[in-house]
Each structure stands twice: as C-alpha cells, then as structure tokens.
mmCIF file of all heavy atoms, coordinates in Angstrom:
data_MODEL
# 
_entry.id   MODEL 
# 
loop_
_atom_site.group_PDB 
_atom_site.id 
_atom_site.type_symbol 
_atom_site.label_atom_id 
_atom_site.label_alt_id 
_atom_site.label_comp_id 
_atom_site.label_asym_id 
_atom_site.label_entity_id 
_atom_site.label_seq_id 
_atom_site.pdbx_PDB_ins_code 
_atom_site.Cartn_x 
_atom_site.Cartn_y 
_atom_site.Cartn_z 
_atom_site.occupancy 
_atom_site.B_iso_or_equiv 
_atom_site.pdbx_formal_charge 
_atom_site.auth_seq_id 
_atom_site.auth_comp_id 
_atom_site.auth_asym_id 
_atom_site.auth_atom_id 
_atom_site.pdbx_PDB_model_num 
ATOM 1   N N   . HIS A 1 1  ? 1.765  135.752 227.123 1.00 0.00 ? 1  HIS A N   1 
ATOM 2   C CA  . HIS A 1 1  ? 0.773  136.819 226.793 1.00 0.00 ? 1  HIS A CA  1 
ATOM 3   C C   . HIS A 1 1  ? 0.362  137.625 227.923 1.00 0.00 ? 1  HIS A C   1 
ATOM 4   O O   . HIS A 1 1  ? -0.644 138.244 227.893 1.00 0.00 ? 1  HIS A O   1 
ATOM 5   C CB  . HIS A 1 1  ? -0.422 136.084 226.063 1.00 0.00 ? 1  HIS A CB  1 
ATOM 6   C CG  . HIS A 1 1  ? -0.056 135.694 224.733 1.00 0.00 ? 1  HIS A CG  1 
ATOM 7   N ND1 . HIS A 1 1  ? 0.150  136.498 223.518 1.00 0.00 ? 1  HIS A ND1 1 
ATOM 8   C CD2 . HIS A 1 1  ? 0.018  134.422 224.211 1.00 0.00 ? 1  HIS A CD2 1 
ATOM 9   C CE1 . HIS A 1 1  ? 0.382  135.755 222.562 1.00 0.00 ? 1  HIS A CE1 1 
ATOM 10  N NE2 . HIS A 1 1  ? 0.355  134.440 222.834 1.00 0.00 ? 1  HIS A NE2 1 
ATOM 11  N N   . GLY A 1 2  ? 1.114  137.443 229.009 1.00 0.00 ? 2  GLY A N   1 
ATOM 12  C CA  . GLY A 1 2  ? 0.800  138.255 230.210 1.00 0.00 ? 2  GLY A CA  1 
ATOM 13  C C   . GLY A 1 2  ? -0.291 137.810 231.062 1.00 0.00 ? 2  GLY A C   1 
ATOM 14  O O   . GLY A 1 2  ? -0.783 138.478 231.978 1.00 0.00 ? 2  GLY A O   1 
ATOM 15  N N   . SER A 1 3  ? -0.833 136.587 230.804 1.00 0.00 ? 3  SER A N   1 
ATOM 16  C CA  . SER A 1 3  ? -1.903 136.108 231.643 1.00 0.00 ? 3  SER A CA  1 
ATOM 17  C C   . SER A 1 3  ? -1.331 135.298 232.907 1.00 0.00 ? 3  SER A C   1 
ATOM 18  O O   . SER A 1 3  ? -0.142 135.193 232.966 1.00 0.00 ? 3  SER A O   1 
ATOM 19  C CB  . SER A 1 3  ? -2.769 135.146 230.868 1.00 0.00 ? 3  SER A CB  1 
ATOM 20  O OG  . SER A 1 3  ? -2.060 134.060 230.381 1.00 0.00 ? 3  SER A OG  1 
ATOM 21  N N   . ALA A 1 4  ? -2.185 134.780 233.720 1.00 0.00 ? 4  ALA A N   1 
ATOM 22  C CA  . ALA A 1 4  ? -1.676 134.126 234.974 1.00 0.00 ? 4  ALA A CA  1 
ATOM 23  C C   . ALA A 1 4  ? -1.085 132.821 234.632 1.00 0.00 ? 4  ALA A C   1 
ATOM 24  O O   . ALA A 1 4  ? -0.354 132.246 235.451 1.00 0.00 ? 4  ALA A O   1 
ATOM 25  C CB  . ALA A 1 4  ? -2.892 134.063 235.908 1.00 0.00 ? 4  ALA A CB  1 
ATOM 26  N N   . HIS A 1 5  ? -1.572 132.188 233.498 1.00 0.00 ? 5  HIS A N   1 
ATOM 27  C CA  . HIS A 1 5  ? -1.064 130.873 233.193 1.00 0.00 ? 5  HIS A CA  1 
ATOM 28  C C   . HIS A 1 5  ? -0.554 130.837 231.791 1.00 0.00 ? 5  HIS A C   1 
ATOM 29  O O   . HIS A 1 5  ? -1.090 131.453 230.915 1.00 0.00 ? 5  HIS A O   1 
ATOM 30  C CB  . HIS A 1 5  ? -2.191 129.861 233.305 1.00 0.00 ? 5  HIS A CB  1 
ATOM 31  C CG  . HIS A 1 5  ? -2.729 129.612 234.707 1.00 0.00 ? 5  HIS A CG  1 
ATOM 32  N ND1 . HIS A 1 5  ? -3.596 130.406 235.298 1.00 0.00 ? 5  HIS A ND1 1 
ATOM 33  C CD2 . HIS A 1 5  ? -2.389 128.650 235.622 1.00 0.00 ? 5  HIS A CD2 1 
ATOM 34  C CE1 . HIS A 1 5  ? -3.870 130.008 236.476 1.00 0.00 ? 5  HIS A CE1 1 
ATOM 35  N NE2 . HIS A 1 5  ? -3.046 128.924 236.744 1.00 0.00 ? 5  HIS A NE2 1 
ATOM 36  N N   . GLY A 1 6  ? 0.570  130.170 231.604 1.00 0.00 ? 6  GLY A N   1 
ATOM 37  C CA  . GLY A 1 6  ? 1.187  129.967 230.194 1.00 0.00 ? 6  GLY A CA  1 
ATOM 38  C C   . GLY A 1 6  ? 0.670  128.774 229.592 1.00 0.00 ? 6  GLY A C   1 
ATOM 39  O O   . GLY A 1 6  ? 0.326  127.811 230.188 1.00 0.00 ? 6  GLY A O   1 
ATOM 40  N N   . ARG A 1 7  ? 0.583  128.765 228.260 1.00 0.00 ? 7  ARG A N   1 
ATOM 41  C CA  . ARG A 1 7  ? 0.083  127.641 227.524 1.00 0.00 ? 7  ARG A CA  1 
ATOM 42  C C   . ARG A 1 7  ? 1.079  127.218 226.473 1.00 0.00 ? 7  ARG A C   1 
ATOM 43  O O   . ARG A 1 7  ? 1.692  127.984 225.781 1.00 0.00 ? 7  ARG A O   1 
ATOM 44  C CB  . ARG A 1 7  ? -1.147 128.016 226.736 1.00 0.00 ? 7  ARG A CB  1 
ATOM 45  C CG  . ARG A 1 7  ? -2.319 128.478 227.661 1.00 0.00 ? 7  ARG A CG  1 
ATOM 46  C CD  . ARG A 1 7  ? -3.593 128.657 227.006 1.00 0.00 ? 7  ARG A CD  1 
ATOM 47  N NE  . ARG A 1 7  ? -4.157 127.453 226.382 1.00 0.00 ? 7  ARG A NE  1 
ATOM 48  C CZ  . ARG A 1 7  ? -5.294 127.282 225.657 1.00 0.00 ? 7  ARG A CZ  1 
ATOM 49  N NH1 . ARG A 1 7  ? -6.013 128.401 225.427 1.00 0.00 ? 7  ARG A NH1 1 
ATOM 50  N NH2 . ARG A 1 7  ? -5.672 126.162 225.263 1.00 0.00 ? 7  ARG A NH2 1 
ATOM 51  N N   . VAL A 1 8  ? 1.375  125.874 226.517 1.00 0.00 ? 8  VAL A N   1 
ATOM 52  C CA  . VAL A 1 8  ? 2.503  125.337 225.740 1.00 0.00 ? 8  VAL A CA  1 
ATOM 53  C C   . VAL A 1 8  ? 1.763  124.265 224.774 1.00 0.00 ? 8  VAL A C   1 
ATOM 54  O O   . VAL A 1 8  ? 0.966  123.527 225.209 1.00 0.00 ? 8  VAL A O   1 
ATOM 55  C CB  . VAL A 1 8  ? 3.578  124.687 226.572 1.00 0.00 ? 8  VAL A CB  1 
ATOM 56  C CG1 . VAL A 1 8  ? 4.447  123.749 225.686 1.00 0.00 ? 8  VAL A CG1 1 
ATOM 57  C CG2 . VAL A 1 8  ? 4.445  125.663 227.193 1.00 0.00 ? 8  VAL A CG2 1 
ATOM 58  N N   . LEU A 1 9  ? 2.192  124.370 223.558 1.00 0.00 ? 9  LEU A N   1 
ATOM 59  C CA  . LEU A 1 9  ? 1.781  123.224 222.623 1.00 0.00 ? 9  LEU A CA  1 
ATOM 60  C C   . LEU A 1 9  ? 3.010  122.498 222.424 1.00 0.00 ? 9  LEU A C   1 
ATOM 61  O O   . LEU A 1 9  ? 3.985  122.939 221.862 1.00 0.00 ? 9  LEU A O   1 
ATOM 62  C CB  . LEU A 1 9  ? 1.249  123.752 221.343 1.00 0.00 ? 9  LEU A CB  1 
ATOM 63  C CG  . LEU A 1 9  ? 0.614  122.662 220.400 1.00 0.00 ? 9  LEU A CG  1 
ATOM 64  C CD1 . LEU A 1 9  ? -0.628 122.034 220.896 1.00 0.00 ? 9  LEU A CD1 1 
ATOM 65  C CD2 . LEU A 1 9  ? 0.421  123.277 218.986 1.00 0.00 ? 9  LEU A CD2 1 
ATOM 66  N N   . ALA A 1 10 ? 3.068  121.160 222.791 1.00 0.00 ? 10 ALA A N   1 
ATOM 67  C CA  . ALA A 1 10 ? 4.226  120.393 222.688 1.00 0.00 ? 10 ALA A CA  1 
ATOM 68  C C   . ALA A 1 10 ? 3.945  118.918 221.988 1.00 0.00 ? 10 ALA A C   1 
ATOM 69  O O   . ALA A 1 10 ? 2.892  118.430 222.207 1.00 0.00 ? 10 ALA A O   1 
ATOM 70  C CB  . ALA A 1 10 ? 4.750  120.066 224.112 1.00 0.00 ? 10 ALA A CB  1 
ATOM 71  N N   . GLY A 1 11 ? 4.773  118.656 221.085 1.00 0.00 ? 11 GLY A N   1 
ATOM 72  C CA  . GLY A 1 11 ? 4.770  117.308 220.439 1.00 0.00 ? 11 GLY A CA  1 
ATOM 73  C C   . GLY A 1 11 ? 5.825  116.449 221.001 1.00 0.00 ? 11 GLY A C   1 
ATOM 74  O O   . GLY A 1 11 ? 7.022  116.857 221.087 1.00 0.00 ? 11 GLY A O   1 
ATOM 75  N N   . LEU A 1 12 ? 5.511  115.221 221.365 1.00 0.00 ? 12 LEU A N   1 
ATOM 76  C CA  . LEU A 1 12 ? 6.402  114.334 221.834 1.00 0.00 ? 12 LEU A CA  1 
ATOM 77  C C   . LEU A 1 12 ? 6.353  112.963 221.159 1.00 0.00 ? 12 LEU A C   1 
ATOM 78  O O   . LEU A 1 12 ? 5.281  112.480 220.817 1.00 0.00 ? 12 LEU A O   1 
ATOM 79  C CB  . LEU A 1 12 ? 6.246  114.043 223.319 1.00 0.00 ? 12 LEU A CB  1 
ATOM 80  C CG  . LEU A 1 12 ? 6.397  115.207 224.256 1.00 0.00 ? 12 LEU A CG  1 
ATOM 81  C CD1 . LEU A 1 12 ? 4.924  115.791 224.651 1.00 0.00 ? 12 LEU A CD1 1 
ATOM 82  C CD2 . LEU A 1 12 ? 7.193  114.938 225.428 1.00 0.00 ? 12 LEU A CD2 1 
ATOM 83  N N   . GLN A 1 13 ? 7.456  112.330 220.797 1.00 0.00 ? 13 GLN A N   1 
ATOM 84  C CA  . GLN A 1 13 ? 7.468  111.084 220.086 1.00 0.00 ? 13 GLN A CA  1 
ATOM 85  C C   . GLN A 1 13 ? 7.407  109.923 221.031 1.00 0.00 ? 13 GLN A C   1 
ATOM 86  O O   . GLN A 1 13 ? 8.374  109.608 221.719 1.00 0.00 ? 13 GLN A O   1 
ATOM 87  C CB  . GLN A 1 13 ? 8.782  111.043 219.216 1.00 0.00 ? 13 GLN A CB  1 
ATOM 88  C CG  . GLN A 1 13 ? 8.773  112.047 218.009 1.00 0.00 ? 13 GLN A CG  1 
ATOM 89  C CD  . GLN A 1 13 ? 10.029 112.009 217.288 1.00 0.00 ? 13 GLN A CD  1 
ATOM 90  O OE1 . GLN A 1 13 ? 10.930 112.703 217.468 1.00 0.00 ? 13 GLN A OE1 1 
ATOM 91  N NE2 . GLN A 1 13 ? 9.995  111.195 216.198 1.00 0.00 ? 13 GLN A NE2 1 
ATOM 92  N N   . VAL A 1 14 ? 6.185  109.415 221.081 1.00 0.00 ? 14 VAL A N   1 
ATOM 93  C CA  . VAL A 1 14 ? 5.935  108.358 222.039 1.00 0.00 ? 14 VAL A CA  1 
ATOM 94  C C   . VAL A 1 14 ? 5.448  107.071 221.386 1.00 0.00 ? 14 VAL A C   1 
ATOM 95  O O   . VAL A 1 14 ? 4.288  107.009 220.820 1.00 0.00 ? 14 VAL A O   1 
ATOM 96  C CB  . VAL A 1 14 ? 4.822  108.749 223.114 1.00 0.00 ? 14 VAL A CB  1 
ATOM 97  C CG1 . VAL A 1 14 ? 4.682  107.650 224.149 1.00 0.00 ? 14 VAL A CG1 1 
ATOM 98  C CG2 . VAL A 1 14 ? 5.134  110.076 223.722 1.00 0.00 ? 14 VAL A CG2 1 
ATOM 99  N N   . PRO A 1 15 ? 6.211  106.028 221.209 1.00 0.00 ? 15 PRO A N   1 
ATOM 100 C CA  . PRO A 1 15 ? 5.805  104.867 220.505 1.00 0.00 ? 15 PRO A CA  1 
ATOM 101 C C   . PRO A 1 15 ? 4.688  104.139 221.247 1.00 0.00 ? 15 PRO A C   1 
ATOM 102 O O   . PRO A 1 15 ? 4.389  104.363 222.426 1.00 0.00 ? 15 PRO A O   1 
ATOM 103 C CB  . PRO A 1 15 ? 7.097  103.873 220.642 1.00 0.00 ? 15 PRO A CB  1 
ATOM 104 C CG  . PRO A 1 15 ? 8.222  104.811 220.854 1.00 0.00 ? 15 PRO A CG  1 
ATOM 105 C CD  . PRO A 1 15 ? 7.636  105.961 221.694 1.00 0.00 ? 15 PRO A CD  1 
ATOM 106 N N   . ASP A 1 16 ? 3.821  103.300 220.543 1.00 0.00 ? 16 ASP A N   1 
ATOM 107 C CA  . ASP A 1 16 ? 2.639  102.700 221.078 1.00 0.00 ? 16 ASP A CA  1 
ATOM 108 C C   . ASP A 1 16 ? 2.919  101.911 222.353 1.00 0.00 ? 16 ASP A C   1 
ATOM 109 O O   . ASP A 1 16 ? 2.164  102.022 223.272 1.00 0.00 ? 16 ASP A O   1 
ATOM 110 C CB  . ASP A 1 16 ? 1.940  101.829 220.080 1.00 0.00 ? 16 ASP A CB  1 
ATOM 111 C CG  . ASP A 1 16 ? 1.343  102.619 218.934 1.00 0.00 ? 16 ASP A CG  1 
ATOM 112 O OD1 . ASP A 1 16 ? 1.251  103.916 219.141 1.00 0.00 ? 16 ASP A OD1 1 
ATOM 113 O OD2 . ASP A 1 16 ? 1.160  102.052 217.840 1.00 0.00 ? 16 ASP A OD2 1 
ATOM 114 N N   . ASP A 1 17 ? 4.109  101.283 222.352 1.00 0.00 ? 17 ASP A N   1 
ATOM 115 C CA  . ASP A 1 17 ? 4.317  100.375 223.552 1.00 0.00 ? 17 ASP A CA  1 
ATOM 116 C C   . ASP A 1 17 ? 4.692  101.199 224.761 1.00 0.00 ? 17 ASP A C   1 
ATOM 117 O O   . ASP A 1 17 ? 5.016  100.596 225.796 1.00 0.00 ? 17 ASP A O   1 
ATOM 118 C CB  . ASP A 1 17 ? 5.490  99.370  223.205 1.00 0.00 ? 17 ASP A CB  1 
ATOM 119 C CG  . ASP A 1 17 ? 6.716  99.974  222.672 1.00 0.00 ? 17 ASP A CG  1 
ATOM 120 O OD1 . ASP A 1 17 ? 6.759  101.184 222.563 1.00 0.00 ? 17 ASP A OD1 1 
ATOM 121 O OD2 . ASP A 1 17 ? 7.672  99.146  222.392 1.00 0.00 ? 17 ASP A OD2 1 
ATOM 122 N N   . GLU A 1 18 ? 4.873  102.513 224.658 1.00 0.00 ? 18 GLU A N   1 
ATOM 123 C CA  . GLU A 1 18 ? 5.191  103.263 225.876 1.00 0.00 ? 18 GLU A CA  1 
ATOM 124 C C   . GLU A 1 18 ? 4.096  104.232 226.224 1.00 0.00 ? 18 GLU A C   1 
ATOM 125 O O   . GLU A 1 18 ? 4.401  105.157 227.062 1.00 0.00 ? 18 GLU A O   1 
ATOM 126 C CB  . GLU A 1 18 ? 6.501  104.195 225.474 1.00 0.00 ? 18 GLU A CB  1 
ATOM 127 C CG  . GLU A 1 18 ? 7.778  103.290 225.222 1.00 0.00 ? 18 GLU A CG  1 
ATOM 128 C CD  . GLU A 1 18 ? 8.975  104.296 225.028 1.00 0.00 ? 18 GLU A CD  1 
ATOM 129 O OE1 . GLU A 1 18 ? 8.946  105.356 225.599 1.00 0.00 ? 18 GLU A OE1 1 
ATOM 130 O OE2 . GLU A 1 18 ? 9.950  103.766 224.334 1.00 0.00 ? 18 GLU A OE2 1 
ATOM 131 N N   . LEU A 1 19 ? 2.910  104.000 225.788 1.00 0.00 ? 19 LEU A N   1 
ATOM 132 C CA  . LEU A 1 19 ? 1.784  104.830 226.078 1.00 0.00 ? 19 LEU A CA  1 
ATOM 133 C C   . LEU A 1 19 ? 1.502  104.736 227.519 1.00 0.00 ? 19 LEU A C   1 
ATOM 134 O O   . LEU A 1 19 ? 1.059  105.743 228.184 1.00 0.00 ? 19 LEU A O   1 
ATOM 135 C CB  . LEU A 1 19 ? 0.520  104.573 225.270 1.00 0.00 ? 19 LEU A CB  1 
ATOM 136 C CG  . LEU A 1 19 ? 0.692  104.932 223.684 1.00 0.00 ? 19 LEU A CG  1 
ATOM 137 C CD1 . LEU A 1 19 ? -0.543 104.472 223.055 1.00 0.00 ? 19 LEU A CD1 1 
ATOM 138 C CD2 . LEU A 1 19 ? 0.768  106.411 223.695 1.00 0.00 ? 19 LEU A CD2 1 
ATOM 139 N N   . THR A 1 20 ? 1.512  103.605 228.224 1.00 0.00 ? 20 THR A N   1 
ATOM 140 C CA  . THR A 1 20 ? 1.275  103.384 229.633 1.00 0.00 ? 20 THR A CA  1 
ATOM 141 C C   . THR A 1 20 ? 2.119  104.281 230.480 1.00 0.00 ? 20 THR A C   1 
ATOM 142 O O   . THR A 1 20 ? 1.644  105.008 231.266 1.00 0.00 ? 20 THR A O   1 
ATOM 143 C CB  . THR A 1 20 ? 1.323  101.947 230.044 1.00 0.00 ? 20 THR A CB  1 
ATOM 144 O OG1 . THR A 1 20 ? 0.332  101.246 229.261 1.00 0.00 ? 20 THR A OG1 1 
ATOM 145 C CG2 . THR A 1 20 ? 0.969  101.856 231.512 1.00 0.00 ? 20 THR A CG2 1 
ATOM 146 N N   . PRO A 1 21 ? 3.449  104.255 230.306 1.00 0.00 ? 21 PRO A N   1 
ATOM 147 C CA  . PRO A 1 21 ? 4.301  105.038 231.206 1.00 0.00 ? 21 PRO A CA  1 
ATOM 148 C C   . PRO A 1 21 ? 4.202  106.600 230.821 1.00 0.00 ? 21 PRO A C   1 
ATOM 149 O O   . PRO A 1 21 ? 4.311  107.382 231.613 1.00 0.00 ? 21 PRO A O   1 
ATOM 150 C CB  . PRO A 1 21 ? 5.800  104.577 230.812 1.00 0.00 ? 21 PRO A CB  1 
ATOM 151 C CG  . PRO A 1 21 ? 5.670  103.791 229.631 1.00 0.00 ? 21 PRO A CG  1 
ATOM 152 C CD  . PRO A 1 21 ? 4.344  103.144 229.582 1.00 0.00 ? 21 PRO A CD  1 
ATOM 153 N N   . PHE A 1 22 ? 3.880  106.852 229.548 1.00 0.00 ? 22 PHE A N   1 
ATOM 154 C CA  . PHE A 1 22 ? 3.607  108.169 229.259 1.00 0.00 ? 22 PHE A CA  1 
ATOM 155 C C   . PHE A 1 22 ? 2.335  108.633 229.933 1.00 0.00 ? 22 PHE A C   1 
ATOM 156 O O   . PHE A 1 22 ? 2.289  109.943 230.433 1.00 0.00 ? 22 PHE A O   1 
ATOM 157 C CB  . PHE A 1 22 ? 3.485  108.284 227.650 1.00 0.00 ? 22 PHE A CB  1 
ATOM 158 C CG  . PHE A 1 22 ? 3.281  109.722 227.250 1.00 0.00 ? 22 PHE A CG  1 
ATOM 159 C CD1 . PHE A 1 22 ? 4.322  110.580 227.275 1.00 0.00 ? 22 PHE A CD1 1 
ATOM 160 C CD2 . PHE A 1 22 ? 2.038  110.132 226.637 1.00 0.00 ? 22 PHE A CD2 1 
ATOM 161 C CE1 . PHE A 1 22 ? 4.059  111.971 226.872 1.00 0.00 ? 22 PHE A CE1 1 
ATOM 162 C CE2 . PHE A 1 22 ? 1.838  111.411 226.208 1.00 0.00 ? 22 PHE A CE2 1 
ATOM 163 C CZ  . PHE A 1 22 ? 2.932  112.412 226.306 1.00 0.00 ? 22 PHE A CZ  1 
ATOM 164 N N   . ALA A 1 23 ? 1.326  107.941 230.041 1.00 0.00 ? 23 ALA A N   1 
ATOM 165 C CA  . ALA A 1 23 ? 0.182  108.330 230.747 1.00 0.00 ? 23 ALA A CA  1 
ATOM 166 C C   . ALA A 1 23 ? 0.470  108.563 232.191 1.00 0.00 ? 23 ALA A C   1 
ATOM 167 O O   . ALA A 1 23 ? -0.075 109.527 232.818 1.00 0.00 ? 23 ALA A O   1 
ATOM 168 C CB  . ALA A 1 23 ? -0.948 107.241 230.520 1.00 0.00 ? 23 ALA A CB  1 
ATOM 169 N N   . THR A 1 24 ? 1.232  107.776 232.807 1.00 0.00 ? 24 THR A N   1 
ATOM 170 C CA  . THR A 1 24 ? 1.770  107.956 234.222 1.00 0.00 ? 24 THR A CA  1 
ATOM 171 C C   . THR A 1 24 ? 2.493  109.306 234.316 1.00 0.00 ? 24 THR A C   1 
ATOM 172 O O   . THR A 1 24 ? 2.314  109.964 235.288 1.00 0.00 ? 24 THR A O   1 
ATOM 173 C CB  . THR A 1 24 ? 2.616  106.771 234.596 1.00 0.00 ? 24 THR A CB  1 
ATOM 174 O OG1 . THR A 1 24 ? 1.919  105.583 234.496 1.00 0.00 ? 24 THR A OG1 1 
ATOM 175 C CG2 . THR A 1 24 ? 3.014  106.961 236.101 1.00 0.00 ? 24 THR A CG2 1 
ATOM 176 N N   . PHE A 1 25 ? 3.322  109.523 233.388 1.00 0.00 ? 25 PHE A N   1 
ATOM 177 C CA  . PHE A 1 25 ? 4.031  110.813 233.373 1.00 0.00 ? 25 PHE A CA  1 
ATOM 178 C C   . PHE A 1 25 ? 3.123  112.012 233.354 1.00 0.00 ? 25 PHE A C   1 
ATOM 179 O O   . PHE A 1 25 ? 3.316  112.961 234.131 1.00 0.00 ? 25 PHE A O   1 
ATOM 180 C CB  . PHE A 1 25 ? 4.985  110.876 232.149 1.00 0.00 ? 25 PHE A CB  1 
ATOM 181 C CG  . PHE A 1 25 ? 5.411  112.291 231.738 1.00 0.00 ? 25 PHE A CG  1 
ATOM 182 C CD1 . PHE A 1 25 ? 6.304  113.011 232.478 1.00 0.00 ? 25 PHE A CD1 1 
ATOM 183 C CD2 . PHE A 1 25 ? 4.844  112.921 230.611 1.00 0.00 ? 25 PHE A CD2 1 
ATOM 184 C CE1 . PHE A 1 25 ? 6.748  114.332 232.194 1.00 0.00 ? 25 PHE A CE1 1 
ATOM 185 C CE2 . PHE A 1 25 ? 5.215  114.197 230.317 1.00 0.00 ? 25 PHE A CE2 1 
ATOM 186 C CZ  . PHE A 1 25 ? 6.062  114.931 231.068 1.00 0.00 ? 25 PHE A CZ  1 
ATOM 187 N N   . LEU A 1 26 ? 2.074  111.931 232.429 1.00 0.00 ? 26 LEU A N   1 
ATOM 188 C CA  . LEU A 1 26 ? 1.162  113.106 232.288 1.00 0.00 ? 26 LEU A CA  1 
ATOM 189 C C   . LEU A 1 26 ? 0.377  113.238 233.657 1.00 0.00 ? 26 LEU A C   1 
ATOM 190 O O   . LEU A 1 26 ? 0.118  114.335 234.018 1.00 0.00 ? 26 LEU A O   1 
ATOM 191 C CB  . LEU A 1 26 ? 0.132  112.836 231.159 1.00 0.00 ? 26 LEU A CB  1 
ATOM 192 C CG  . LEU A 1 26 ? 0.623  112.874 229.768 1.00 0.00 ? 26 LEU A CG  1 
ATOM 193 C CD1 . LEU A 1 26 ? -0.377 112.582 228.814 1.00 0.00 ? 26 LEU A CD1 1 
ATOM 194 C CD2 . LEU A 1 26 ? 1.224  114.203 229.479 1.00 0.00 ? 26 LEU A CD2 1 
# 
C-alpha cells in the first residue's frame, strides 16, 4: 500500500507439541 512497512496476514499449521520451537522461530 505504499507505506514504509508491509503487513502480512499468515496462517501456519503448528501442532500443539511444536508450539515451543514455533515461539523460538517467532
């Protein structure tokens, strides 16, 4: 939209037992 920052809405399939490594990724 021509602004300085882009915004993405993303959905990722993350099982409950992978929430810890996912938090590390974020």
